Protein backbone atom coordinates (compact mmCIF):
# COMPACT_ATOMS: atom_id res chain seq x y z
CA MET A 1 59.31 108.17 117.18
CA GLU A 2 60.09 104.65 118.26
CA GLU A 3 60.92 101.75 116.01
CA PHE A 4 60.68 98.13 117.03
CA PHE A 5 62.98 95.40 115.77
CA LEU A 6 62.33 91.70 116.21
CA ILE A 7 65.56 89.72 116.22
CA GLN A 8 65.49 86.04 117.24
CA GLU A 9 62.35 86.35 119.37
CA LYS A 10 63.64 89.43 121.21
CA VAL A 11 62.23 92.92 120.78
CA TYR A 12 64.69 95.83 120.69
CA ILE A 13 63.44 99.41 120.95
CA PHE A 14 65.30 102.18 119.14
CA SER A 15 63.96 105.57 120.15
CA GLY A 16 65.95 107.82 117.84
CA VAL A 17 68.95 110.13 117.90
CA ALA A 18 68.13 112.14 121.03
CA ASN A 19 69.00 109.30 123.40
CA MET A 20 72.22 108.57 121.54
CA GLN A 21 73.42 112.16 121.99
CA THR A 22 72.90 112.09 125.76
CA ASN A 23 74.83 108.82 125.98
CA ASP A 24 77.81 110.46 124.18
CA VAL A 25 78.46 112.79 127.11
CA ALA A 26 78.44 109.85 129.51
CA LYS A 27 80.86 107.78 127.44
CA PHE A 28 83.44 110.58 127.22
CA GLY A 29 83.31 111.18 130.96
CA ASP A 30 83.82 107.57 132.04
CA GLY A 31 87.53 107.54 131.12
CA SER A 32 87.51 105.12 128.21
CA PHE A 33 88.19 107.92 125.70
CA LEU A 34 91.60 109.62 125.83
CA PRO A 35 92.03 113.34 125.01
CA VAL A 36 93.15 114.34 121.52
CA ILE A 37 96.77 115.18 120.71
CA ASP A 38 98.21 118.20 118.88
CA GLN A 39 98.05 116.50 115.48
CA CYS A 40 94.27 116.13 115.82
CA GLU A 41 93.66 119.89 116.09
CA GLY A 42 91.43 121.09 113.24
CA CYS A 43 89.63 117.78 112.76
CA GLU A 44 85.84 117.86 112.47
CA ARG A 45 85.47 114.76 114.65
CA ILE A 46 86.64 116.51 117.83
CA VAL A 47 84.01 116.83 120.57
CA GLU A 48 84.55 119.14 123.53
CA THR A 49 82.97 118.06 126.81
CA GLU A 50 83.74 119.26 130.33
CA GLY A 51 86.65 121.40 129.11
CA ALA A 52 88.49 118.50 127.44
CA LYS A 53 88.59 117.56 123.76
CA TYR A 54 87.93 113.99 122.64
CA CYS A 55 87.81 112.21 119.29
CA ASN A 56 84.23 111.19 118.55
CA THR A 57 85.37 108.18 116.52
CA TYR A 58 88.40 106.64 118.18
CA LEU A 59 89.25 105.84 121.82
CA ASN A 60 93.00 106.51 121.63
CA PRO A 61 93.85 109.19 119.03
CA ALA A 62 97.61 108.96 119.70
CA ALA A 63 97.59 105.36 118.47
CA LYS A 64 96.13 106.41 115.11
CA TRP A 65 98.95 108.93 114.54
CA ARG A 66 101.71 106.55 115.70
CA ILE A 67 102.21 104.89 112.29
CA GLY A 68 101.55 107.96 110.16
CA LEU A 69 98.41 109.77 109.10
CA CYS A 70 95.18 109.06 110.98
CA ASN A 71 92.62 107.56 108.61
CA PHE A 72 89.80 109.36 110.46
CA ALA A 73 91.41 112.81 110.07
CA THR A 74 89.24 115.26 108.14
CA HIS A 75 91.80 118.06 108.17
CA ALA A 76 94.78 116.15 106.71
CA LYS A 77 94.86 114.44 103.36
CA PRO A 78 97.45 111.88 102.25
CA GLU A 79 99.93 112.92 99.60
CA VAL A 80 99.47 111.29 96.22
CA ASN A 81 102.55 111.07 94.02
CA LEU A 82 101.89 110.60 90.31
CA VAL A 83 104.75 109.02 88.43
CA LYS A 84 104.86 109.25 84.66
CA ILE A 85 106.13 106.13 82.96
CA ARG A 86 107.86 106.55 79.66
CA VAL A 87 106.45 104.15 77.09
CA ASN A 88 108.13 103.26 73.85
CA PRO A 89 105.83 104.63 71.09
CA LEU A 90 106.51 101.69 68.75
CA LYS A 91 105.51 99.13 71.39
CA ALA A 92 102.44 101.17 72.31
CA ALA A 93 101.34 101.22 68.65
CA LYS A 94 101.77 97.44 68.37
CA ARG A 95 99.75 96.84 71.53
CA ALA A 96 96.98 99.12 70.32
CA SER A 97 96.79 97.36 66.93
CA ARG A 98 96.48 93.94 68.61
CA ARG A 99 93.49 95.02 70.72
CA LYS A 100 91.28 95.77 67.72
């Protein structure tokens, strides 16, 4: 199934997902992608080709973990701290009565 796109008098042919998958193997083997680090283990974005593991989304996985949690990580979730704020009940009642 081929789709044709006309953009500024040029025709681009997109022939589907099959060609994109074969190009993935070539892009991991050319050296632009660096292997994953220990913190990436367990992530769903890891692709294993030719005995090495690579991140399917990012070129340098170590750089994503340098400042904290990788935003592409599917196996690690950020911690959310909920802080309860004590509100004076008299002030809360006054604010509620003004809104009506």
